[in-house]
N, C-alpha and C. Protein backbone atom coordinates (compact mmCIF):
# COMPACT_ATOMS: atom_id res chain seq x y z
N MET A 1 -22.29 10.50 1.68
CA MET A 1 -22.10 11.51 2.72
C MET A 1 -21.91 10.91 4.11
N PRO A 2 -22.71 9.86 4.50
CA PRO A 2 -22.46 9.29 5.84
C PRO A 2 -21.04 8.80 5.99
N GLY A 3 -20.51 8.13 4.94
CA GLY A 3 -19.14 7.64 5.02
C GLY A 3 -18.15 8.77 5.14
N LYS A 4 -18.40 9.87 4.40
CA LYS A 4 -17.51 11.03 4.47
C LYS A 4 -17.51 11.62 5.87
N ARG A 5 -18.72 11.77 6.45
CA ARG A 5 -18.79 12.36 7.79
C ARG A 5 -18.10 11.47 8.81
N MET A 6 -18.24 10.14 8.66
CA MET A 6 -17.60 9.22 9.59
C MET A 6 -16.08 9.30 9.48
N SER A 7 -15.56 9.41 8.24
CA SER A 7 -14.12 9.53 8.06
C SER A 7 -13.59 10.82 8.68
N GLU A 8 -14.32 11.92 8.46
CA GLU A 8 -13.90 13.19 9.04
C GLU A 8 -13.94 13.13 10.56
N HIS A 9 -14.98 12.45 11.10
CA HIS A 9 -15.07 12.30 12.55
C HIS A 9 -13.90 11.48 13.07
N ALA A 10 -13.49 10.45 12.33
CA ALA A 10 -12.37 9.61 12.76
C ALA A 10 -11.07 10.42 12.77
N LEU A 11 -10.89 11.29 11.78
CA LEU A 11 -9.69 12.12 11.75
C LEU A 11 -9.67 13.08 12.93
N GLU A 12 -10.85 13.59 13.30
CA GLU A 12 -10.94 14.44 14.49
C GLU A 12 -10.57 13.66 15.74
N LEU A 13 -11.04 12.41 15.81
CA LEU A 13 -10.70 11.57 16.95
C LEU A 13 -9.19 11.34 17.04
N MET A 14 -8.54 11.13 15.88
CA MET A 14 -7.11 10.90 15.87
C MET A 14 -6.37 12.13 16.38
N SER A 15 -6.91 13.32 16.03
CA SER A 15 -6.30 14.56 16.49
C SER A 15 -6.50 14.73 17.99
N ASP A 16 -7.70 14.39 18.47
CA ASP A 16 -8.00 14.56 19.89
C ASP A 16 -7.34 13.49 20.75
N ARG A 17 -7.24 12.28 20.20
CA ARG A 17 -6.70 11.15 20.96
C ARG A 17 -5.58 10.55 20.13
N GLU A 18 -4.42 11.18 20.17
CA GLU A 18 -3.29 10.78 19.34
C GLU A 18 -2.93 9.31 19.58
N PRO A 19 -3.08 8.45 18.56
CA PRO A 19 -2.76 7.03 18.77
C PRO A 19 -1.27 6.82 18.97
N LYS A 20 -0.95 5.98 19.93
CA LYS A 20 0.46 5.69 20.25
C LYS A 20 0.92 4.35 19.69
N THR A 21 -0.03 3.53 19.24
CA THR A 21 0.30 2.22 18.69
C THR A 21 -0.54 1.98 17.43
N LEU A 22 -0.11 1.00 16.65
CA LEU A 22 -0.89 0.63 15.47
C LEU A 22 -2.26 0.11 15.87
N GLU A 23 -2.34 -0.58 17.00
CA GLU A 23 -3.63 -1.10 17.46
C GLU A 23 -4.59 0.04 17.76
N GLU A 24 -4.11 1.10 18.38
CA GLU A 24 -4.97 2.25 18.68
C GLU A 24 -5.40 2.94 17.39
N LEU A 25 -4.49 3.08 16.44
CA LEU A 25 -4.84 3.69 15.16
C LEU A 25 -5.88 2.85 14.42
N ASN A 26 -5.69 1.53 14.40
CA ASN A 26 -6.62 0.65 13.71
C ASN A 26 -8.02 0.72 14.33
N ALA A 27 -8.08 0.90 15.65
CA ALA A 27 -9.38 1.02 16.31
C ALA A 27 -10.11 2.28 15.84
N ILE A 28 -9.38 3.37 15.63
CA ILE A 28 -9.97 4.61 15.12
C ILE A 28 -10.47 4.41 13.70
N ILE A 29 -9.66 3.74 12.86
CA ILE A 29 -10.05 3.49 11.47
C ILE A 29 -11.30 2.60 11.43
N ALA A 30 -11.33 1.56 12.26
CA ALA A 30 -12.47 0.66 12.28
C ALA A 30 -13.74 1.39 12.70
N ALA A 31 -13.63 2.32 13.63
CA ALA A 31 -14.79 3.06 14.11
C ALA A 31 -15.34 4.02 13.07
N ALA A 32 -14.51 4.41 12.11
CA ALA A 32 -14.94 5.38 11.11
C ALA A 32 -15.89 4.80 10.09
N GLY A 33 -15.73 3.52 9.78
CA GLY A 33 -16.56 2.93 8.74
C GLY A 33 -16.05 3.28 7.36
N PRO A 34 -16.57 2.61 6.33
CA PRO A 34 -16.10 2.83 4.96
C PRO A 34 -16.54 4.18 4.42
N PRO A 35 -15.76 4.77 3.50
CA PRO A 35 -16.15 6.04 2.89
C PRO A 35 -17.37 5.91 2.00
N VAL A 36 -17.62 4.71 1.50
CA VAL A 36 -18.85 4.43 0.74
C VAL A 36 -19.47 3.15 1.32
N PRO A 37 -20.80 3.01 1.26
CA PRO A 37 -21.45 1.83 1.86
C PRO A 37 -21.05 0.54 1.16
N GLY A 38 -21.09 -0.56 1.91
CA GLY A 38 -20.96 -1.87 1.30
C GLY A 38 -19.77 -2.70 1.72
N ALA A 39 -18.66 -2.06 2.06
CA ALA A 39 -17.48 -2.82 2.45
C ALA A 39 -17.76 -3.59 3.74
N THR A 40 -17.17 -4.78 3.84
CA THR A 40 -17.41 -5.65 4.99
C THR A 40 -16.64 -5.18 6.22
N GLN A 41 -15.38 -4.78 6.03
CA GLN A 41 -14.52 -4.44 7.17
C GLN A 41 -13.34 -3.62 6.70
N ALA A 42 -12.72 -2.92 7.63
CA ALA A 42 -11.46 -2.25 7.33
C ALA A 42 -10.37 -3.32 7.22
N VAL A 43 -9.46 -3.13 6.28
CA VAL A 43 -8.33 -4.05 6.11
C VAL A 43 -7.08 -3.30 6.51
N PHE A 44 -6.50 -3.71 7.62
CA PHE A 44 -5.36 -3.00 8.18
C PHE A 44 -4.03 -3.50 7.61
N GLY A 45 -2.98 -2.75 7.89
CA GLY A 45 -1.65 -3.16 7.51
C GLY A 45 -1.25 -4.44 8.21
N GLU A 46 -0.31 -5.15 7.61
CA GLU A 46 0.11 -6.46 8.12
C GLU A 46 1.62 -6.58 8.01
N GLY A 47 2.25 -7.03 9.08
CA GLY A 47 3.69 -7.24 9.05
C GLY A 47 4.34 -6.66 10.28
N PRO A 48 5.65 -6.89 10.42
CA PRO A 48 6.36 -6.43 11.62
C PRO A 48 6.62 -4.93 11.61
N GLU A 49 6.67 -4.35 12.78
CA GLU A 49 7.15 -2.97 12.91
C GLU A 49 8.66 -2.96 12.67
N HIS A 50 9.20 -1.82 12.28
CA HIS A 50 10.62 -1.66 11.96
C HIS A 50 11.04 -2.55 10.79
N ALA A 51 10.12 -2.88 9.90
CA ALA A 51 10.47 -3.70 8.74
C ALA A 51 11.41 -2.93 7.82
N ASP A 52 12.26 -3.65 7.11
CA ASP A 52 13.12 -3.00 6.13
C ASP A 52 12.30 -2.34 5.03
N ILE A 53 11.18 -2.99 4.64
CA ILE A 53 10.37 -2.48 3.53
C ILE A 53 8.91 -2.42 3.93
N ALA A 54 8.26 -1.30 3.62
CA ALA A 54 6.80 -1.19 3.71
C ALA A 54 6.27 -0.98 2.30
N PHE A 55 5.35 -1.84 1.88
CA PHE A 55 4.70 -1.70 0.58
C PHE A 55 3.33 -1.07 0.78
N VAL A 56 3.05 -0.02 0.01
CA VAL A 56 1.75 0.66 0.10
C VAL A 56 1.02 0.48 -1.22
N GLY A 57 -0.14 -0.18 -1.18
CA GLY A 57 -0.96 -0.37 -2.37
C GLY A 57 -2.09 0.65 -2.44
N GLU A 58 -3.12 0.31 -3.20
CA GLU A 58 -4.23 1.24 -3.42
C GLU A 58 -5.32 1.06 -2.37
N GLN A 59 -6.06 -0.03 -2.44
CA GLN A 59 -7.14 -0.32 -1.51
C GLN A 59 -7.37 -1.83 -1.51
N PRO A 60 -8.07 -2.36 -0.51
CA PRO A 60 -8.40 -3.79 -0.53
C PRO A 60 -9.29 -4.11 -1.72
N GLY A 61 -9.17 -5.34 -2.20
CA GLY A 61 -10.06 -5.85 -3.24
C GLY A 61 -11.15 -6.72 -2.62
N ASP A 62 -11.85 -7.44 -3.46
CA ASP A 62 -12.97 -8.27 -2.99
C ASP A 62 -12.50 -9.32 -1.99
N GLN A 63 -11.42 -10.06 -2.31
CA GLN A 63 -10.94 -11.10 -1.41
C GLN A 63 -10.36 -10.52 -0.12
N GLU A 64 -9.67 -9.40 -0.26
CA GLU A 64 -9.10 -8.75 0.93
C GLU A 64 -10.22 -8.31 1.88
N ASP A 65 -11.31 -7.78 1.30
CA ASP A 65 -12.44 -7.35 2.12
C ASP A 65 -13.08 -8.53 2.84
N ARG A 66 -13.18 -9.65 2.16
CA ARG A 66 -13.80 -10.82 2.77
C ARG A 66 -12.92 -11.45 3.86
N LEU A 67 -11.59 -11.46 3.61
CA LEU A 67 -10.67 -12.14 4.52
C LEU A 67 -10.04 -11.21 5.55
N GLY A 68 -10.10 -9.90 5.31
CA GLY A 68 -9.54 -8.95 6.27
C GLY A 68 -8.03 -8.87 6.26
N ARG A 69 -7.41 -9.23 5.11
CA ARG A 69 -5.95 -9.17 5.00
C ARG A 69 -5.57 -8.50 3.68
N PRO A 70 -4.46 -7.76 3.66
CA PRO A 70 -4.04 -7.11 2.41
C PRO A 70 -3.35 -8.08 1.46
N PHE A 71 -3.51 -7.85 0.16
CA PHE A 71 -2.79 -8.57 -0.89
C PHE A 71 -2.99 -10.09 -0.83
N VAL A 72 -4.25 -10.51 -0.84
CA VAL A 72 -4.55 -11.94 -0.84
C VAL A 72 -5.40 -12.34 -2.05
N GLY A 73 -5.77 -11.40 -2.90
CA GLY A 73 -6.54 -11.69 -4.10
C GLY A 73 -5.64 -12.03 -5.27
N PRO A 74 -6.14 -12.00 -6.50
CA PRO A 74 -5.33 -12.33 -7.68
C PRO A 74 -4.07 -11.48 -7.80
N ALA A 75 -4.17 -10.17 -7.59
CA ALA A 75 -2.98 -9.32 -7.65
C ALA A 75 -2.02 -9.67 -6.53
N GLY A 76 -2.56 -10.00 -5.37
CA GLY A 76 -1.71 -10.39 -4.24
C GLY A 76 -0.94 -11.66 -4.50
N LYS A 77 -1.57 -12.61 -5.17
CA LYS A 77 -0.88 -13.87 -5.50
C LYS A 77 0.26 -13.62 -6.50
N LEU A 78 0.01 -12.75 -7.48
CA LEU A 78 1.08 -12.40 -8.41
C LEU A 78 2.20 -11.65 -7.68
N PHE A 79 1.82 -10.80 -6.75
CA PHE A 79 2.79 -10.05 -5.95
C PHE A 79 3.65 -11.01 -5.13
N ASP A 80 3.02 -12.00 -4.51
CA ASP A 80 3.76 -12.99 -3.73
C ASP A 80 4.80 -13.71 -4.60
N LYS A 81 4.39 -14.08 -5.80
CA LYS A 81 5.30 -14.76 -6.73
C LYS A 81 6.50 -13.87 -7.04
N ALA A 82 6.24 -12.61 -7.34
CA ALA A 82 7.33 -11.68 -7.67
C ALA A 82 8.23 -11.44 -6.46
N LEU A 83 7.65 -11.33 -5.28
CA LEU A 83 8.46 -11.15 -4.07
C LEU A 83 9.41 -12.32 -3.88
N ARG A 84 8.90 -13.54 -4.04
CA ARG A 84 9.76 -14.71 -3.88
C ARG A 84 10.90 -14.70 -4.89
N GLU A 85 10.60 -14.37 -6.14
CA GLU A 85 11.63 -14.36 -7.17
C GLU A 85 12.65 -13.26 -6.92
N ALA A 86 12.23 -12.18 -6.28
CA ALA A 86 13.15 -11.07 -5.99
C ALA A 86 13.92 -11.28 -4.69
N GLY A 87 13.61 -12.35 -3.96
CA GLY A 87 14.32 -12.63 -2.71
C GLY A 87 13.80 -11.87 -1.51
N ILE A 88 12.56 -11.37 -1.61
CA ILE A 88 11.96 -10.62 -0.49
C ILE A 88 10.99 -11.54 0.24
N ASP A 89 11.17 -11.65 1.55
CA ASP A 89 10.29 -12.47 2.38
C ASP A 89 9.08 -11.64 2.77
N ARG A 90 7.90 -12.03 2.29
CA ARG A 90 6.69 -11.26 2.61
C ARG A 90 6.49 -11.12 4.11
N ALA A 91 6.80 -12.16 4.86
CA ALA A 91 6.58 -12.14 6.31
C ALA A 91 7.45 -11.09 7.01
N GLU A 92 8.52 -10.66 6.35
CA GLU A 92 9.40 -9.67 6.97
C GLU A 92 9.14 -8.26 6.46
N ALA A 93 8.16 -8.11 5.56
CA ALA A 93 7.80 -6.79 5.03
C ALA A 93 6.49 -6.34 5.67
N TYR A 94 6.25 -5.03 5.62
CA TYR A 94 4.98 -4.48 6.11
C TYR A 94 4.14 -4.12 4.90
N LEU A 95 2.90 -4.64 4.83
CA LEU A 95 2.02 -4.43 3.68
C LEU A 95 0.77 -3.68 4.11
N THR A 96 0.43 -2.63 3.39
CA THR A 96 -0.76 -1.87 3.71
C THR A 96 -1.32 -1.22 2.45
N ASN A 97 -2.39 -0.46 2.61
CA ASN A 97 -3.02 0.23 1.48
C ASN A 97 -3.28 1.69 1.82
N ALA A 98 -3.35 2.50 0.78
CA ALA A 98 -3.64 3.92 0.97
C ALA A 98 -5.03 4.12 1.55
N VAL A 99 -5.99 3.34 1.07
CA VAL A 99 -7.38 3.39 1.54
C VAL A 99 -7.70 2.04 2.17
N LYS A 100 -8.35 2.04 3.32
CA LYS A 100 -8.49 0.81 4.11
C LYS A 100 -9.77 0.02 3.84
N HIS A 101 -10.68 0.55 3.03
CA HIS A 101 -11.93 -0.16 2.74
C HIS A 101 -12.07 -0.42 1.24
N PHE A 102 -12.75 -1.48 0.91
CA PHE A 102 -13.02 -1.87 -0.47
C PHE A 102 -14.12 -0.98 -1.04
N LYS A 103 -13.84 -0.31 -2.16
CA LYS A 103 -14.84 0.47 -2.88
C LYS A 103 -15.18 -0.29 -4.15
N PHE A 104 -16.47 -0.48 -4.42
CA PHE A 104 -16.86 -1.33 -5.54
C PHE A 104 -18.20 -0.91 -6.12
N GLU A 105 -18.47 -1.47 -7.30
CA GLU A 105 -19.78 -1.35 -7.93
C GLU A 105 -20.39 -2.75 -8.00
N GLN A 106 -21.65 -2.86 -7.59
CA GLN A 106 -22.32 -4.16 -7.61
C GLN A 106 -22.86 -4.45 -9.00
N ARG A 107 -22.43 -5.57 -9.59
CA ARG A 107 -22.94 -6.00 -10.90
C ARG A 107 -23.43 -7.44 -10.75
N GLY A 108 -24.72 -7.57 -10.58
CA GLY A 108 -25.28 -8.88 -10.30
C GLY A 108 -24.77 -9.37 -8.96
N HIS A 109 -24.16 -10.56 -8.98
CA HIS A 109 -23.60 -11.10 -7.73
C HIS A 109 -22.13 -10.69 -7.53
N ARG A 110 -21.58 -9.98 -8.49
CA ARG A 110 -20.15 -9.63 -8.42
C ARG A 110 -19.96 -8.23 -7.89
N ARG A 111 -18.87 -8.05 -7.15
CA ARG A 111 -18.47 -6.73 -6.67
C ARG A 111 -17.24 -6.31 -7.47
N ILE A 112 -17.39 -5.29 -8.30
CA ILE A 112 -16.34 -4.87 -9.22
C ILE A 112 -15.59 -3.68 -8.62
N HIS A 113 -14.27 -3.80 -8.57
CA HIS A 113 -13.42 -2.76 -8.01
C HIS A 113 -13.72 -1.39 -8.62
N ALA A 114 -13.83 -0.38 -7.77
CA ALA A 114 -13.98 1.01 -8.21
C ALA A 114 -12.84 1.81 -7.58
N LYS A 115 -12.12 2.53 -8.40
CA LYS A 115 -10.95 3.27 -7.92
C LYS A 115 -11.36 4.34 -6.92
N PRO A 116 -10.66 4.46 -5.80
CA PRO A 116 -10.98 5.55 -4.85
C PRO A 116 -10.71 6.90 -5.48
N SER A 117 -11.55 7.87 -5.14
CA SER A 117 -11.36 9.23 -5.66
C SER A 117 -10.17 9.89 -4.99
N ALA A 118 -9.67 10.96 -5.61
CA ALA A 118 -8.57 11.72 -5.00
C ALA A 118 -8.98 12.25 -3.64
N GLY A 119 -10.24 12.67 -3.51
CA GLY A 119 -10.72 13.17 -2.23
C GLY A 119 -10.71 12.10 -1.15
N GLU A 120 -11.10 10.88 -1.50
CA GLU A 120 -11.10 9.78 -0.53
C GLU A 120 -9.67 9.44 -0.12
N VAL A 121 -8.76 9.45 -1.08
CA VAL A 121 -7.35 9.15 -0.77
C VAL A 121 -6.79 10.21 0.17
N LYS A 122 -7.02 11.47 -0.15
CA LYS A 122 -6.46 12.56 0.67
C LYS A 122 -7.10 12.61 2.05
N ARG A 123 -8.39 12.22 2.12
CA ARG A 123 -9.06 12.23 3.42
C ARG A 123 -8.46 11.18 4.35
N GLU A 124 -7.99 10.06 3.79
CA GLU A 124 -7.41 9.01 4.62
C GLU A 124 -5.89 9.12 4.73
N ARG A 125 -5.31 10.10 4.06
CA ARG A 125 -3.85 10.25 4.08
C ARG A 125 -3.28 10.39 5.49
N PRO A 126 -3.92 11.15 6.40
CA PRO A 126 -3.37 11.23 7.76
C PRO A 126 -3.26 9.88 8.45
N TRP A 127 -4.21 8.98 8.16
CA TRP A 127 -4.12 7.64 8.72
C TRP A 127 -2.87 6.93 8.23
N LEU A 128 -2.63 6.98 6.92
CA LEU A 128 -1.47 6.30 6.35
C LEU A 128 -0.17 6.86 6.91
N MET A 129 -0.06 8.17 6.97
CA MET A 129 1.19 8.77 7.46
C MET A 129 1.41 8.44 8.93
N LYS A 130 0.34 8.42 9.72
CA LYS A 130 0.47 8.01 11.13
C LYS A 130 0.84 6.54 11.22
N GLU A 131 0.27 5.72 10.35
CA GLU A 131 0.60 4.28 10.32
C GLU A 131 2.08 4.07 10.06
N LEU A 132 2.64 4.77 9.09
CA LEU A 132 4.06 4.64 8.78
C LEU A 132 4.92 5.16 9.94
N GLU A 133 4.46 6.24 10.55
CA GLU A 133 5.20 6.78 11.70
C GLU A 133 5.28 5.75 12.82
N LEU A 134 4.20 5.01 13.02
CA LEU A 134 4.17 4.00 14.08
C LEU A 134 4.87 2.71 13.68
N ALA A 135 4.79 2.35 12.39
CA ALA A 135 5.44 1.11 11.92
C ALA A 135 6.94 1.29 11.73
N ARG A 136 7.37 2.51 11.39
CA ARG A 136 8.79 2.88 11.25
C ARG A 136 9.59 1.97 10.32
N PRO A 137 9.17 1.87 9.06
CA PRO A 137 9.97 1.07 8.11
C PRO A 137 11.21 1.82 7.66
N LYS A 138 12.14 1.09 7.09
CA LYS A 138 13.36 1.70 6.56
C LYS A 138 13.12 2.30 5.18
N LEU A 139 12.35 1.59 4.35
CA LEU A 139 12.10 2.00 2.97
C LEU A 139 10.62 1.85 2.68
N VAL A 140 10.01 2.86 2.05
CA VAL A 140 8.58 2.83 1.73
C VAL A 140 8.42 2.72 0.22
N VAL A 141 7.67 1.72 -0.23
CA VAL A 141 7.46 1.48 -1.66
C VAL A 141 6.02 1.81 -2.02
N ALA A 142 5.84 2.70 -2.98
CA ALA A 142 4.52 3.04 -3.50
C ALA A 142 4.21 2.14 -4.68
N LEU A 143 3.15 1.35 -4.56
CA LEU A 143 2.71 0.47 -5.64
C LEU A 143 1.55 1.14 -6.37
N GLY A 144 1.87 1.86 -7.45
CA GLY A 144 0.83 2.48 -8.25
C GLY A 144 0.55 3.93 -7.91
N GLY A 145 -0.24 4.56 -8.77
CA GLY A 145 -0.49 6.00 -8.67
C GLY A 145 -1.26 6.41 -7.44
N THR A 146 -2.21 5.59 -6.99
CA THR A 146 -2.97 5.95 -5.79
C THR A 146 -2.07 6.01 -4.58
N ALA A 147 -1.13 5.07 -4.48
CA ALA A 147 -0.18 5.09 -3.36
C ALA A 147 0.71 6.32 -3.43
N VAL A 148 1.14 6.70 -4.63
CA VAL A 148 1.95 7.91 -4.78
C VAL A 148 1.17 9.14 -4.33
N LEU A 149 -0.09 9.23 -4.73
CA LEU A 149 -0.95 10.35 -4.31
C LEU A 149 -1.07 10.38 -2.79
N ALA A 150 -1.27 9.21 -2.18
CA ALA A 150 -1.42 9.16 -0.73
C ALA A 150 -0.14 9.56 0.00
N LEU A 151 1.00 9.18 -0.55
CA LEU A 151 2.27 9.43 0.13
C LEU A 151 2.82 10.85 -0.11
N THR A 152 2.44 11.46 -1.22
CA THR A 152 2.99 12.78 -1.57
C THR A 152 1.95 13.89 -1.56
N GLY A 153 0.66 13.52 -1.65
CA GLY A 153 -0.38 14.52 -1.78
C GLY A 153 -0.52 15.04 -3.19
N LYS A 154 0.25 14.47 -4.13
CA LYS A 154 0.21 14.92 -5.53
C LYS A 154 0.02 13.73 -6.46
N SER A 155 -0.69 13.96 -7.57
CA SER A 155 -0.90 12.92 -8.57
C SER A 155 0.24 12.98 -9.58
N THR A 156 0.97 11.87 -9.72
CA THR A 156 2.13 11.82 -10.61
C THR A 156 2.09 10.54 -11.43
N PRO A 157 2.21 10.61 -12.75
CA PRO A 157 2.22 9.39 -13.57
C PRO A 157 3.39 8.48 -13.19
N ILE A 158 3.13 7.19 -13.10
CA ILE A 158 4.19 6.24 -12.76
C ILE A 158 5.29 6.25 -13.81
N SER A 159 4.93 6.45 -15.08
CA SER A 159 5.93 6.46 -16.15
C SER A 159 6.98 7.54 -15.96
N ARG A 160 6.63 8.63 -15.27
CA ARG A 160 7.56 9.73 -15.04
C ARG A 160 8.26 9.64 -13.69
N SER A 161 7.68 8.92 -12.75
CA SER A 161 8.22 8.94 -11.39
C SER A 161 8.81 7.60 -10.93
N ARG A 162 8.75 6.58 -11.77
CA ARG A 162 9.18 5.24 -11.37
C ARG A 162 10.65 5.25 -10.96
N GLY A 163 10.94 4.61 -9.83
CA GLY A 163 12.31 4.56 -9.33
C GLY A 163 12.41 5.13 -7.92
N ARG A 164 13.60 5.49 -7.53
CA ARG A 164 13.83 5.99 -6.17
C ARG A 164 13.09 7.30 -5.95
N ALA A 165 12.63 7.48 -4.72
CA ALA A 165 11.82 8.66 -4.38
C ALA A 165 12.06 9.01 -2.92
N ARG A 166 11.42 10.10 -2.52
CA ARG A 166 11.45 10.51 -1.11
C ARG A 166 10.03 10.84 -0.70
N PHE A 167 9.55 10.23 0.37
CA PHE A 167 8.22 10.50 0.89
C PHE A 167 8.36 11.12 2.28
N GLY A 168 8.48 12.44 2.32
CA GLY A 168 8.69 13.10 3.61
C GLY A 168 9.97 12.60 4.24
N PRO A 169 9.89 12.03 5.45
CA PRO A 169 11.11 11.56 6.11
C PRO A 169 11.60 10.20 5.62
N TYR A 170 10.86 9.58 4.70
CA TYR A 170 11.17 8.21 4.31
C TYR A 170 11.85 8.13 2.95
N GLN A 171 12.91 7.32 2.88
CA GLN A 171 13.44 6.92 1.60
C GLN A 171 12.37 6.06 0.92
N GLY A 172 12.21 6.23 -0.38
CA GLY A 172 11.13 5.51 -1.03
C GLY A 172 11.48 5.00 -2.41
N TYR A 173 10.50 4.31 -2.98
CA TYR A 173 10.64 3.77 -4.33
C TYR A 173 9.24 3.70 -4.92
N ILE A 174 9.13 4.03 -6.21
CA ILE A 174 7.84 4.01 -6.90
C ILE A 174 7.87 2.97 -8.01
N THR A 175 6.86 2.12 -8.03
CA THR A 175 6.72 1.15 -9.10
C THR A 175 5.23 0.93 -9.36
N VAL A 176 4.91 0.02 -10.27
CA VAL A 176 3.51 -0.23 -10.61
C VAL A 176 2.85 -1.10 -9.53
N HIS A 177 1.53 -1.07 -9.52
CA HIS A 177 0.77 -1.99 -8.67
C HIS A 177 0.67 -3.33 -9.41
N PRO A 178 0.76 -4.45 -8.72
CA PRO A 178 0.68 -5.74 -9.42
C PRO A 178 -0.62 -5.94 -10.19
N SER A 179 -1.70 -5.28 -9.78
CA SER A 179 -2.96 -5.41 -10.54
C SER A 179 -2.82 -4.85 -11.96
N TYR A 180 -1.91 -3.89 -12.15
CA TYR A 180 -1.66 -3.35 -13.48
C TYR A 180 -1.20 -4.45 -14.43
N LEU A 181 -0.38 -5.36 -13.92
CA LEU A 181 0.14 -6.45 -14.75
C LEU A 181 -0.97 -7.37 -15.22
N LEU A 182 -1.98 -7.55 -14.37
CA LEU A 182 -3.09 -8.43 -14.72
C LEU A 182 -4.00 -7.84 -15.80
N ARG A 183 -3.98 -6.52 -15.92
CA ARG A 183 -4.88 -5.85 -16.87
C ARG A 183 -4.28 -5.71 -18.27
N LEU A 184 -3.02 -6.05 -18.45
CA LEU A 184 -2.38 -5.88 -19.75
C LEU A 184 -2.98 -6.83 -20.78
N PRO A 185 -3.04 -6.42 -22.05
CA PRO A 185 -3.87 -7.12 -23.03
C PRO A 185 -3.32 -8.42 -23.60
N ASP A 186 -2.00 -8.59 -23.63
CA ASP A 186 -1.46 -9.80 -24.28
C ASP A 186 -0.29 -10.34 -23.48
N GLU A 187 0.03 -11.61 -23.72
CA GLU A 187 1.04 -12.30 -22.92
C GLU A 187 2.43 -11.70 -23.08
N ALA A 188 2.78 -11.27 -24.28
CA ALA A 188 4.12 -10.70 -24.49
C ALA A 188 4.28 -9.41 -23.69
N THR A 189 3.27 -8.58 -23.71
CA THR A 189 3.31 -7.32 -22.94
C THR A 189 3.35 -7.61 -21.45
N LYS A 190 2.57 -8.61 -21.02
CA LYS A 190 2.56 -8.99 -19.61
C LYS A 190 3.94 -9.47 -19.16
N ARG A 191 4.59 -10.31 -19.97
CA ARG A 191 5.91 -10.83 -19.60
C ARG A 191 6.92 -9.70 -19.47
N GLU A 192 6.89 -8.77 -20.43
CA GLU A 192 7.82 -7.65 -20.40
C GLU A 192 7.59 -6.77 -19.16
N ALA A 193 6.32 -6.49 -18.86
CA ALA A 193 5.99 -5.65 -17.71
C ALA A 193 6.33 -6.36 -16.40
N TYR A 194 6.12 -7.69 -16.37
CA TYR A 194 6.44 -8.45 -15.16
C TYR A 194 7.94 -8.43 -14.91
N GLU A 195 8.74 -8.58 -15.94
CA GLU A 195 10.20 -8.55 -15.78
C GLU A 195 10.66 -7.18 -15.28
N ALA A 196 10.02 -6.11 -15.76
CA ALA A 196 10.37 -4.77 -15.29
C ALA A 196 9.99 -4.61 -13.82
N PHE A 197 8.84 -5.15 -13.43
CA PHE A 197 8.40 -5.12 -12.04
C PHE A 197 9.35 -5.91 -11.16
N LEU A 198 9.75 -7.08 -11.66
CA LEU A 198 10.69 -7.92 -10.92
C LEU A 198 12.03 -7.21 -10.75
N SER A 199 12.47 -6.50 -11.77
CA SER A 199 13.70 -5.72 -11.68
C SER A 199 13.59 -4.65 -10.60
N ASP A 200 12.43 -3.99 -10.54
CA ASP A 200 12.19 -2.99 -9.49
C ASP A 200 12.29 -3.64 -8.11
N LEU A 201 11.65 -4.79 -7.94
CA LEU A 201 11.65 -5.45 -6.63
C LEU A 201 13.07 -5.88 -6.23
N ARG A 202 13.87 -6.32 -7.19
CA ARG A 202 15.26 -6.69 -6.87
C ARG A 202 16.06 -5.46 -6.44
N HIS A 203 15.80 -4.33 -7.10
CA HIS A 203 16.46 -3.09 -6.71
C HIS A 203 16.01 -2.67 -5.32
N ILE A 204 14.71 -2.81 -5.05
CA ILE A 204 14.16 -2.49 -3.73
C ILE A 204 14.81 -3.38 -2.67
N HIS A 205 14.96 -4.66 -2.99
CA HIS A 205 15.60 -5.60 -2.05
C HIS A 205 17.02 -5.15 -1.72
N ASP A 206 17.76 -4.74 -2.74
CA ASP A 206 19.13 -4.28 -2.52
C ASP A 206 19.16 -2.98 -1.72
N LEU A 207 18.25 -2.06 -2.04
CA LEU A 207 18.20 -0.79 -1.30
C LEU A 207 17.89 -1.02 0.17
N ALA A 208 16.97 -1.93 0.44
CA ALA A 208 16.58 -2.20 1.82
C ALA A 208 17.71 -2.81 2.62
N ARG A 209 18.61 -3.53 1.97
CA ARG A 209 19.75 -4.14 2.65
C ARG A 209 20.91 -3.18 2.79
N ALA A 210 20.88 -2.09 2.02
CA ALA A 210 22.01 -1.16 2.00
C ALA A 210 21.82 -0.03 2.99
N ASP A 211 22.90 0.66 3.28
CA ASP A 211 22.84 1.93 3.97
C ASP A 211 22.26 2.94 2.99
N LEU A 212 21.10 3.51 3.30
CA LEU A 212 20.40 4.35 2.34
C LEU A 212 21.11 5.68 2.08
N GLU A 213 22.04 6.04 2.93
CA GLU A 213 22.79 7.28 2.71
C GLU A 213 24.03 7.02 1.84
N THR A 214 24.75 5.91 2.12
CA THR A 214 26.00 5.64 1.40
C THR A 214 25.81 4.67 0.24
N GLY A 215 24.72 3.86 0.29
CA GLY A 215 24.51 2.86 -0.75
C GLY A 215 25.28 1.58 -0.53
N GLU A 216 26.04 1.50 0.56
CA GLU A 216 26.85 0.30 0.82
C GLU A 216 25.98 -0.80 1.41
N LEU A 217 26.20 -2.03 0.91
CA LEU A 217 25.44 -3.18 1.41
C LEU A 217 26.00 -3.62 2.75
N ARG A 218 25.08 -4.10 3.61
CA ARG A 218 25.53 -4.69 4.87
C ARG A 218 26.30 -5.95 4.59
N LEU A 219 27.29 -6.25 5.43
CA LEU A 219 28.05 -7.48 5.28
C LEU A 219 27.19 -8.68 5.72
N ALA A 220 27.32 -9.78 4.99
CA ALA A 220 26.59 -10.97 5.36
C ALA A 220 27.08 -11.51 6.70
N VAL A 221 28.39 -11.40 6.94
CA VAL A 221 28.98 -11.83 8.21
C VAL A 221 29.86 -10.71 8.71
N GLU A 222 29.67 -10.32 9.95
CA GLU A 222 30.48 -9.23 10.53
C GLU A 222 31.36 -9.78 11.63
């Protein structure tokens, strides 16, 4: 309940003091505190404004919480590998999460990821939408079902929605979260799923380089 009240108070602050920059928005998020006790810090979005691509994940993991950066844990390392193979420069993309704090269950000395509830995702949705409004990416990519819920307000299975999408004013694309690939049971299934993910990223790369209305690619030399 304390975390819930703090989040609601932060949303009221955002309404009363409309943030004009990502720094102002991040200060409001930091002041709110985590929706559940235990997280070390808020993990904010990272990357340039006006990026061709913004990737939206679920929430920070254990390593992200400790380091204060998105996508730096095991799933992040796999994501980096796939980005490189797809020709996407991570430094030129904007990376963020639907929920800004790590939610976990303590098991001995380990902190085990706990999926954010639909209520927690929807409560932080105004932050995400304001973040995208301020970052102004060309294409928004939802990585996994939690990101889809945050961007649309609706829960939709990835198997039915994977591919091009529209998130309000943003052209979008839906694919799996890289952590999904790590949870698959055998190497053959993992390889097949990774290749499908890589195919999505290559399509995303092409979409980001193209005129999103006509589909025409920008010329390499004009």
